[in-house]
Protein backbone atom coordinates (compact mmCIF):
# COMPACT_ATOMS: atom_id res chain seq x y z
CA MET A 1 -37.17 -36.06 26.24
CA ARG A 2 -36.72 -34.07 29.41
CA ARG A 3 -33.13 -35.36 29.72
CA LEU A 4 -32.39 -34.33 26.12
CA ALA A 5 -33.69 -30.80 26.76
CA THR A 6 -31.61 -30.56 29.95
CA LEU A 7 -28.44 -31.68 28.13
CA ALA A 8 -29.06 -29.22 25.29
CA ALA A 9 -29.59 -26.34 27.73
CA ALA A 10 -26.49 -27.29 29.74
CA SER A 11 -24.40 -27.47 26.58
CA LEU A 12 -25.64 -24.07 25.42
CA LEU A 13 -24.91 -22.48 28.81
CA ALA A 14 -21.41 -23.98 28.92
CA THR A 15 -20.64 -22.64 25.45
CA VAL A 16 -21.91 -19.15 26.32
CA ALA A 17 -20.05 -19.14 29.64
CA LEU A 18 -16.75 -20.22 28.08
CA THR A 19 -17.04 -17.75 25.21
CA GLY A 20 -18.06 -14.95 27.58
CA CYS A 21 -14.98 -15.54 29.76
CA ALA A 22 -12.54 -15.18 26.90
CA THR A 23 -10.81 -11.86 26.27
CA ASP A 24 -10.91 -10.24 22.85
CA ASP A 25 -7.54 -11.84 22.06
CA GLU A 26 -8.89 -15.26 22.95
CA GLN A 27 -12.19 -15.03 21.05
CA PRO A 28 -12.51 -17.87 18.60
CA GLY A 29 -12.69 -16.53 15.08
CA THR A 30 -14.89 -17.93 12.40
CA ALA A 31 -14.11 -17.22 8.80
CA THR A 32 -16.94 -16.02 6.64
CA ASP A 33 -17.16 -15.90 2.87
CA ARG A 34 -16.48 -12.14 3.10
CA ASP A 35 -13.29 -12.75 5.11
CA LEU A 36 -12.07 -15.20 2.51
CA GLU A 37 -12.77 -12.73 -0.30
CA LEU A 38 -10.85 -9.98 1.52
CA GLU A 39 -7.89 -12.28 2.09
CA GLU A 40 -7.82 -13.14 -1.60
CA LEU A 41 -7.82 -9.43 -2.53
CA SER A 42 -5.13 -8.41 -0.03
CA PRO A 43 -1.66 -7.85 -1.46
CA THR A 44 0.76 -10.65 -0.75
CA THR A 45 3.78 -8.39 -0.35
CA SER A 46 4.32 -4.91 0.99
CA PRO A 47 6.58 -2.33 -0.57
CA GLU A 48 10.06 -2.13 0.90
CA PRO A 49 10.46 0.62 3.51
CA PHE A 50 11.84 3.92 2.22
CA ASP A 51 15.44 4.63 3.20
CA ALA A 52 16.75 6.68 0.23
CA GLY A 53 19.90 4.59 0.38
CA THR A 54 21.06 6.27 3.59
CA GLY A 55 19.09 4.47 6.28
CA GLU A 56 16.77 7.44 6.81
CA ALA A 57 13.27 6.76 8.11
CA PRO A 58 10.31 8.41 6.39
CA THR A 59 8.61 11.21 8.24
CA GLY A 60 5.48 10.76 6.20
CA CYS A 61 3.95 9.91 2.91
CA SER A 62 1.10 11.85 1.40
CA ASP A 63 -1.21 10.86 -1.42
CA LEU A 64 -0.99 12.98 -4.55
CA SER A 65 -3.98 13.80 -6.71
CA PRO A 66 -4.07 12.07 -10.09
CA ALA A 67 -2.23 14.04 -12.76
CA PRO A 68 -3.92 13.83 -16.18
CA ASP A 69 -0.56 14.09 -17.96
CA GLY A 70 1.20 11.72 -15.52
CA ARG A 71 3.69 14.39 -14.38
CA TYR A 72 4.21 14.52 -10.61
CA PRO A 73 6.40 17.19 -8.98
CA VAL A 74 8.65 15.82 -6.24
CA GLY A 75 9.14 18.92 -4.12
CA GLU A 76 12.30 20.82 -5.14
CA ALA A 77 13.95 17.61 -6.37
CA GLY A 78 12.36 17.25 -9.78
CA VAL A 79 9.46 15.73 -11.68
CA VAL A 80 8.55 12.09 -12.32
CA THR A 81 6.26 11.07 -15.17
CA VAL A 82 4.40 7.78 -14.73
CA THR A 83 1.56 6.41 -16.85
CA LEU A 84 -0.37 3.21 -17.41
CA ASP A 85 0.47 0.96 -20.34
CA ASP A 86 -2.05 0.73 -23.18
CA ASP A 87 -3.88 -2.20 -21.52
CA GLY A 88 -4.05 -0.43 -18.13
CA GLU A 89 -2.32 -3.40 -16.53
CA ALA A 90 1.10 -1.92 -15.67
CA VAL A 91 2.70 1.24 -14.32
CA VAL A 92 5.27 2.71 -16.74
CA LEU A 93 8.08 5.10 -15.76
CA GLU A 94 8.13 7.54 -18.67
CA ASP A 95 10.65 10.15 -17.49
CA VAL A 96 12.58 11.53 -14.52
CA GLU A 97 13.61 15.19 -14.52
CA THR A 98 16.14 15.91 -11.78
CA ALA A 99 16.56 19.49 -10.55
CA ASP A 100 20.01 21.05 -10.14
CA GLY A 101 21.61 19.93 -6.89
CA TRP A 102 19.75 16.61 -6.73
CA GLU A 103 20.45 13.03 -7.80
CA HIS A 104 17.88 10.34 -8.42
CA GLU A 105 17.81 6.55 -8.24
CA VAL A 106 15.11 4.21 -9.54
CA ALA A 107 14.80 1.90 -6.55
CA GLN A 108 12.01 -0.21 -8.06
CA GLU A 109 10.46 -0.44 -11.49
CA ASP A 110 8.06 -3.23 -12.40
CA ASP A 111 4.49 -3.64 -13.66
CA VAL A 112 2.99 -2.97 -10.22
CA GLN A 113 5.19 -0.27 -8.68
CA VAL A 114 7.68 2.45 -9.54
CA ASP A 115 9.81 3.95 -6.75
CA VAL A 116 12.07 6.91 -7.61
CA ARG A 117 14.25 8.35 -4.82
CA PHE A 118 15.89 11.78 -4.82
CA THR A 119 18.88 12.75 -2.68
CA PRO A 120 20.28 16.28 -2.42
CA ASP A 121 23.91 16.77 -3.41
CA ASP A 122 24.64 18.97 -0.39
CA GLY A 123 22.80 16.92 2.23
CA ALA A 124 21.10 20.07 3.53
CA SER A 125 17.63 19.05 2.34
CA ALA A 126 15.64 15.95 3.18
CA SER A 127 15.63 13.03 0.76
CA VAL A 128 12.31 12.43 -0.98
CA ALA A 129 10.72 9.65 -2.99
CA LEU A 130 7.82 9.28 -5.36
CA VAL A 131 6.10 5.89 -5.23
CA ALA A 132 3.52 5.02 -7.91
CA THR A 133 1.52 1.81 -7.52
CA LEU A 134 -1.04 0.14 -9.77
CA GLY A 135 -4.23 0.86 -7.82
CA ASN A 136 -6.51 -1.86 -9.11
CA ASP A 137 -6.58 -4.68 -11.57
CA ALA A 138 -9.26 -3.40 -13.91
CA ALA A 139 -8.66 -5.93 -16.67
CA GLY A 140 -11.93 -7.54 -17.71
CA THR A 141 -14.03 -5.19 -15.57
CA ASP A 142 -15.90 -1.91 -16.01
CA GLN A 143 -13.48 -0.21 -13.57
CA GLN A 144 -11.02 2.33 -14.85
CA PRO A 145 -7.40 1.45 -14.08
CA GLU A 146 -5.64 3.90 -11.81
CA ILE A 147 -2.23 4.78 -10.44
CA LEU A 148 -1.92 5.58 -6.74
CA VAL A 149 0.92 8.05 -6.19
CA GLN A 150 2.59 9.04 -2.90
CA LEU A 151 5.27 11.57 -2.07
CA CYS A 152 7.44 10.42 0.84
CA GLU A 153 9.85 12.60 2.80
CA ALA A 154 12.73 11.47 5.01
CA VAL A 155 14.52 13.13 7.89
CA ALA A 156 17.45 15.23 6.71
């Protein structure tokens, strides 16, 4: 019995000593049920980086407040109207109004995301994009579906 207690204590000390010597990068990770749930909810793909067709890097994206009518101004470039379909399961591009001196391109349009990019005709202004993404999958839940909208600017 004494030998069993000694072995158990030695094993515990060895485990604590080895774990204590590891750096944060070397810490063994144990998955919990919560970790598994978060992994299942994480998106499997990320949106493509914004380049406005010219290789420009974004200087920043800012979240826009929800628009009840779905109309989102895109700086001086125009207005994009995006809504949810009747089931609340897809983002729908309703309309793009391009201001004088600007051109637009629909870079992505599917059930999950709409990406509309605006480029100035004269090149004097920065290119901009409006990205609308289905914010949650509310089908079969009490949650209200939502569209998350960002305005992204690029270096001129």
